[in-house]
């Protein structure tokens, strides 16, 4: 599982001009079963996405395709973790301890 942390590198006004494209990209990743949750950080200086995938390179490629990243208005920090315990709703994503 992965936590994708976005940090804006441009003024929020510039980010907002790309918001519709970003939401379309998010919707595509939800439809593909990659994203589980997402939202803005508070204060609004970026966002967070919870994603599933076994391949970090694939997650990095997906993040690079985000219009925010492609247009240089955010930087991504991707953290991989082993989800050994989850809420019942996320049980399909549990992973055994290494």
N, C-alpha and C. Protein backbone atom coordinates (compact mmCIF):
# COMPACT_ATOMS: atom_id res chain seq x y z
N UNK A 1 0.86 -1.16 0.00
CA UNK A 1 0.00 0.00 0.00
C UNK A 1 0.91 1.23 0.00
N UNK A 2 0.35 2.34 -0.47
CA UNK A 2 1.15 3.55 -0.62
C UNK A 2 0.39 4.77 -0.11
N UNK A 3 1.12 5.68 0.49
CA UNK A 3 0.60 7.00 0.82
C UNK A 3 1.30 7.97 -0.11
N UNK A 4 0.51 8.70 -0.88
CA UNK A 4 1.04 9.70 -1.79
C UNK A 4 0.73 11.06 -1.19
N UNK A 5 1.77 11.81 -0.85
CA UNK A 5 1.58 13.14 -0.29
C UNK A 5 1.98 14.17 -1.33
N UNK A 6 1.03 15.03 -1.66
CA UNK A 6 1.26 16.10 -2.62
C UNK A 6 1.52 17.39 -1.85
N UNK A 7 2.52 18.12 -2.28
CA UNK A 7 2.80 19.44 -1.72
C UNK A 7 2.82 20.42 -2.88
N UNK A 8 1.98 21.45 -2.77
CA UNK A 8 1.92 22.43 -3.85
C UNK A 8 3.24 23.20 -3.94
N UNK A 9 3.68 23.40 -5.18
CA UNK A 9 4.90 24.15 -5.45
C UNK A 9 4.59 25.43 -6.22
N UNK A 10 3.30 25.71 -6.37
CA UNK A 10 2.83 26.91 -7.07
C UNK A 10 1.68 27.49 -6.25
N UNK A 11 1.33 28.74 -6.51
CA UNK A 11 0.20 29.34 -5.79
C UNK A 11 -1.09 28.53 -6.01
N UNK A 12 -1.95 28.53 -4.99
CA UNK A 12 -3.21 27.79 -5.04
C UNK A 12 -4.05 28.21 -6.25
N UNK A 13 -3.95 29.46 -6.65
CA UNK A 13 -4.71 29.93 -7.80
C UNK A 13 -4.31 29.16 -9.07
N UNK A 14 -3.03 28.86 -9.21
CA UNK A 14 -2.55 28.08 -10.37
C UNK A 14 -3.02 26.63 -10.23
N UNK A 15 -2.97 26.10 -9.03
CA UNK A 15 -3.46 24.73 -8.77
C UNK A 15 -4.92 24.64 -9.18
N UNK A 16 -5.71 25.62 -8.78
CA UNK A 16 -7.15 25.60 -9.07
C UNK A 16 -7.46 25.58 -10.56
N UNK A 17 -6.59 26.16 -11.39
CA UNK A 17 -6.83 26.14 -12.84
C UNK A 17 -6.72 24.73 -13.41
N UNK A 18 -6.06 23.84 -12.67
CA UNK A 18 -5.87 22.46 -13.12
C UNK A 18 -6.76 21.47 -12.36
N UNK A 19 -7.62 21.97 -11.48
CA UNK A 19 -8.39 21.09 -10.60
C UNK A 19 -9.31 20.14 -11.37
N UNK A 20 -10.00 20.61 -12.40
CA UNK A 20 -10.91 19.74 -13.15
C UNK A 20 -10.14 18.57 -13.78
N UNK A 21 -8.97 18.85 -14.36
CA UNK A 21 -8.14 17.79 -14.95
C UNK A 21 -7.66 16.82 -13.87
N UNK A 22 -7.28 17.36 -12.72
CA UNK A 22 -6.81 16.53 -11.61
C UNK A 22 -7.93 15.60 -11.13
N UNK A 23 -9.14 16.12 -11.02
CA UNK A 23 -10.27 15.30 -10.57
C UNK A 23 -10.58 14.20 -11.59
N UNK A 24 -10.50 14.50 -12.86
CA UNK A 24 -10.68 13.47 -13.89
C UNK A 24 -9.65 12.37 -13.73
N UNK A 25 -8.41 12.75 -13.51
CA UNK A 25 -7.32 11.79 -13.29
C UNK A 25 -7.59 10.95 -12.04
N UNK A 26 -8.03 11.60 -10.94
CA UNK A 26 -8.39 10.86 -9.72
C UNK A 26 -9.47 9.84 -10.02
N UNK A 27 -10.53 10.27 -10.71
CA UNK A 27 -11.65 9.37 -11.03
C UNK A 27 -11.18 8.16 -11.81
N UNK A 28 -10.24 8.36 -12.73
CA UNK A 28 -9.69 7.24 -13.52
C UNK A 28 -8.98 6.24 -12.62
N UNK A 29 -8.24 6.74 -11.64
CA UNK A 29 -7.50 5.85 -10.74
C UNK A 29 -8.44 5.11 -9.78
N UNK A 30 -9.51 5.78 -9.34
CA UNK A 30 -10.52 5.10 -8.52
C UNK A 30 -11.18 3.99 -9.34
N UNK A 31 -11.54 4.29 -10.59
CA UNK A 31 -12.18 3.30 -11.46
C UNK A 31 -11.27 2.10 -11.72
N UNK A 32 -9.96 2.35 -11.77
CA UNK A 32 -8.99 1.27 -11.99
C UNK A 32 -8.70 0.48 -10.72
N UNK A 33 -9.25 0.92 -9.58
CA UNK A 33 -9.04 0.21 -8.32
C UNK A 33 -7.73 0.53 -7.64
N UNK A 34 -7.06 1.59 -8.06
CA UNK A 34 -5.76 1.95 -7.50
C UNK A 34 -5.90 2.85 -6.27
N UNK A 35 -6.80 3.81 -6.31
CA UNK A 35 -6.96 4.75 -5.20
C UNK A 35 -8.10 4.31 -4.28
N UNK A 36 -7.86 4.44 -2.97
CA UNK A 36 -8.86 4.09 -1.97
C UNK A 36 -9.44 5.31 -1.29
N UNK A 37 -8.66 6.37 -1.14
CA UNK A 37 -9.11 7.60 -0.49
C UNK A 37 -8.19 8.74 -0.93
N UNK A 38 -8.75 9.96 -0.92
CA UNK A 38 -7.93 11.12 -1.27
C UNK A 38 -8.60 12.37 -0.72
N UNK A 39 -7.81 13.43 -0.59
CA UNK A 39 -8.37 14.70 -0.15
C UNK A 39 -7.29 15.74 0.09
N UNK A 40 -7.76 16.95 0.35
CA UNK A 40 -6.87 18.08 0.61
C UNK A 40 -6.27 17.98 2.00
N UNK A 41 -5.07 18.51 2.14
CA UNK A 41 -4.49 18.69 3.47
C UNK A 41 -5.09 19.96 4.07
N UNK A 42 -5.05 20.02 5.37
CA UNK A 42 -5.52 21.21 6.08
C UNK A 42 -4.42 21.66 7.01
N UNK A 43 -3.75 22.80 6.75
CA UNK A 43 -4.10 23.83 5.79
C UNK A 43 -3.89 23.35 4.35
N UNK A 44 -4.49 24.06 3.43
CA UNK A 44 -4.50 23.66 2.02
C UNK A 44 -3.17 23.96 1.34
N UNK A 45 -2.21 23.09 1.56
CA UNK A 45 -0.91 23.22 0.89
C UNK A 45 -0.58 21.98 0.08
N UNK A 46 -1.60 21.14 -0.17
CA UNK A 46 -1.40 19.92 -0.93
C UNK A 46 -2.52 18.94 -0.64
N UNK A 47 -2.21 17.66 -0.82
CA UNK A 47 -3.22 16.63 -0.61
C UNK A 47 -2.57 15.31 -0.25
N UNK A 48 -3.42 14.32 0.01
CA UNK A 48 -2.98 12.98 0.37
C UNK A 48 -3.84 11.97 -0.39
N UNK A 49 -3.21 10.91 -0.87
CA UNK A 49 -3.91 9.84 -1.57
C UNK A 49 -3.45 8.51 -0.96
N UNK A 50 -4.40 7.63 -0.68
CA UNK A 50 -4.10 6.27 -0.24
C UNK A 50 -4.30 5.38 -1.45
N UNK A 51 -3.26 4.65 -1.83
CA UNK A 51 -3.30 3.84 -3.05
C UNK A 51 -2.84 2.41 -2.77
N UNK A 52 -3.29 1.50 -3.63
CA UNK A 52 -2.86 0.11 -3.53
C UNK A 52 -2.11 -0.26 -4.80
N UNK A 53 -1.16 -1.13 -4.64
CA UNK A 53 -0.38 -1.62 -5.76
C UNK A 53 0.83 -2.37 -5.24
N UNK A 54 1.28 -3.32 -5.99
CA UNK A 54 2.44 -4.11 -5.56
C UNK A 54 3.74 -3.58 -6.14
N UNK A 55 3.64 -2.63 -7.05
CA UNK A 55 4.81 -2.16 -7.77
C UNK A 55 4.99 -0.67 -7.59
N UNK A 56 6.04 -0.27 -6.90
CA UNK A 56 6.30 1.15 -6.66
C UNK A 56 6.49 1.92 -7.96
N UNK A 57 7.15 1.31 -8.92
CA UNK A 57 7.38 1.99 -10.20
C UNK A 57 6.06 2.34 -10.88
N UNK A 58 5.07 1.47 -10.79
CA UNK A 58 3.76 1.74 -11.39
C UNK A 58 3.08 2.90 -10.68
N UNK A 59 3.18 2.93 -9.35
CA UNK A 59 2.58 4.04 -8.58
C UNK A 59 3.29 5.35 -8.94
N UNK A 60 4.60 5.32 -9.07
CA UNK A 60 5.34 6.52 -9.47
C UNK A 60 4.91 7.01 -10.85
N UNK A 61 4.66 6.08 -11.76
CA UNK A 61 4.22 6.43 -13.11
C UNK A 61 2.82 7.06 -13.08
N UNK A 62 1.94 6.50 -12.25
CA UNK A 62 0.61 7.07 -12.10
C UNK A 62 0.70 8.49 -11.54
N UNK A 63 1.52 8.68 -10.52
CA UNK A 63 1.67 10.00 -9.92
C UNK A 63 2.22 11.00 -10.94
N UNK A 64 3.14 10.59 -11.75
CA UNK A 64 3.73 11.48 -12.76
C UNK A 64 2.70 11.91 -13.80
N UNK A 65 1.65 11.12 -13.98
CA UNK A 65 0.61 11.45 -14.95
C UNK A 65 -0.44 12.40 -14.38
N UNK A 66 -0.39 12.68 -13.10
CA UNK A 66 -1.31 13.65 -12.49
C UNK A 66 -1.08 15.01 -13.16
N UNK A 67 -2.12 15.66 -13.65
CA UNK A 67 -1.93 16.98 -14.25
C UNK A 67 -1.21 17.97 -13.33
N UNK A 68 -1.42 17.85 -12.03
CA UNK A 68 -0.67 18.71 -11.11
C UNK A 68 0.83 18.50 -11.26
N UNK A 69 1.25 17.24 -11.33
CA UNK A 69 2.69 16.93 -11.47
C UNK A 69 3.17 17.30 -12.88
N UNK A 70 2.38 16.94 -13.88
CA UNK A 70 2.77 17.19 -15.26
C UNK A 70 2.95 18.68 -15.55
N UNK A 71 2.18 19.53 -14.85
CA UNK A 71 2.28 20.98 -15.05
C UNK A 71 3.13 21.66 -13.98
N UNK A 72 3.78 20.86 -13.14
CA UNK A 72 4.74 21.40 -12.19
C UNK A 72 4.17 22.22 -11.05
N UNK A 73 2.92 21.91 -10.63
CA UNK A 73 2.36 22.68 -9.52
C UNK A 73 2.37 21.91 -8.20
N UNK A 74 2.90 20.69 -8.23
CA UNK A 74 3.03 19.94 -6.98
C UNK A 74 4.22 19.00 -7.06
N UNK A 75 4.69 18.62 -5.88
CA UNK A 75 5.73 17.59 -5.76
C UNK A 75 5.10 16.42 -5.00
N UNK A 76 5.47 15.21 -5.36
CA UNK A 76 4.97 14.02 -4.72
C UNK A 76 6.01 13.42 -3.78
N UNK A 77 5.54 12.96 -2.64
CA UNK A 77 6.33 12.13 -1.73
C UNK A 77 5.54 10.83 -1.62
N UNK A 78 6.15 9.72 -2.01
CA UNK A 78 5.47 8.43 -2.01
C UNK A 78 6.09 7.55 -0.94
N UNK A 79 5.24 7.07 -0.03
CA UNK A 79 5.68 6.20 1.06
C UNK A 79 4.99 4.85 0.91
N UNK A 80 5.77 3.81 0.81
CA UNK A 80 5.22 2.46 0.74
C UNK A 80 5.17 1.88 2.15
N UNK A 81 4.09 1.17 2.47
CA UNK A 81 4.01 0.51 3.76
C UNK A 81 3.26 -0.81 3.62
N UNK A 82 3.47 -1.69 4.59
CA UNK A 82 2.82 -3.00 4.62
C UNK A 82 1.60 -2.86 5.53
N UNK A 83 0.41 -3.01 4.97
CA UNK A 83 -0.84 -2.86 5.72
C UNK A 83 -1.18 -4.19 6.40
N UNK A 84 -0.57 -4.41 7.56
CA UNK A 84 -0.78 -5.68 8.27
C UNK A 84 -2.07 -5.69 9.10
N UNK A 85 -2.62 -4.52 9.36
CA UNK A 85 -3.88 -4.40 10.10
C UNK A 85 -4.71 -3.31 9.43
N UNK A 86 -6.01 -3.60 9.24
CA UNK A 86 -6.89 -2.65 8.58
C UNK A 86 -8.27 -2.67 9.24
N UNK A 87 -9.05 -1.66 8.93
CA UNK A 87 -10.47 -1.69 9.26
C UNK A 87 -11.11 -2.81 8.44
N UNK A 88 -12.23 -3.35 8.89
CA UNK A 88 -12.87 -4.45 8.15
C UNK A 88 -13.12 -4.13 6.68
N UNK A 89 -13.45 -2.88 6.38
CA UNK A 89 -13.72 -2.49 4.99
C UNK A 89 -12.49 -2.57 4.10
N UNK A 90 -11.31 -2.52 4.71
CA UNK A 90 -10.06 -2.59 3.93
C UNK A 90 -9.38 -3.95 4.04
N UNK A 91 -10.06 -4.91 4.63
CA UNK A 91 -9.47 -6.24 4.82
C UNK A 91 -8.93 -6.86 3.52
N UNK A 92 -9.57 -6.64 2.37
CA UNK A 92 -9.00 -7.21 1.14
C UNK A 92 -7.58 -6.71 0.82
N UNK A 93 -7.18 -5.60 1.46
CA UNK A 93 -5.87 -5.01 1.18
C UNK A 93 -4.82 -5.35 2.25
N UNK A 94 -5.20 -6.14 3.24
CA UNK A 94 -4.23 -6.53 4.27
C UNK A 94 -3.09 -7.33 3.64
N UNK A 95 -1.92 -7.17 4.23
CA UNK A 95 -0.74 -7.87 3.73
C UNK A 95 -0.08 -8.61 4.88
N UNK A 96 0.49 -9.76 4.61
CA UNK A 96 1.19 -10.48 5.69
C UNK A 96 2.46 -9.75 6.08
N UNK A 97 2.84 -9.93 7.34
CA UNK A 97 4.11 -9.35 7.80
C UNK A 97 5.24 -9.97 7.02
N UNK A 98 6.24 -9.14 6.70
CA UNK A 98 7.40 -9.69 5.94
C UNK A 98 8.21 -10.63 6.78
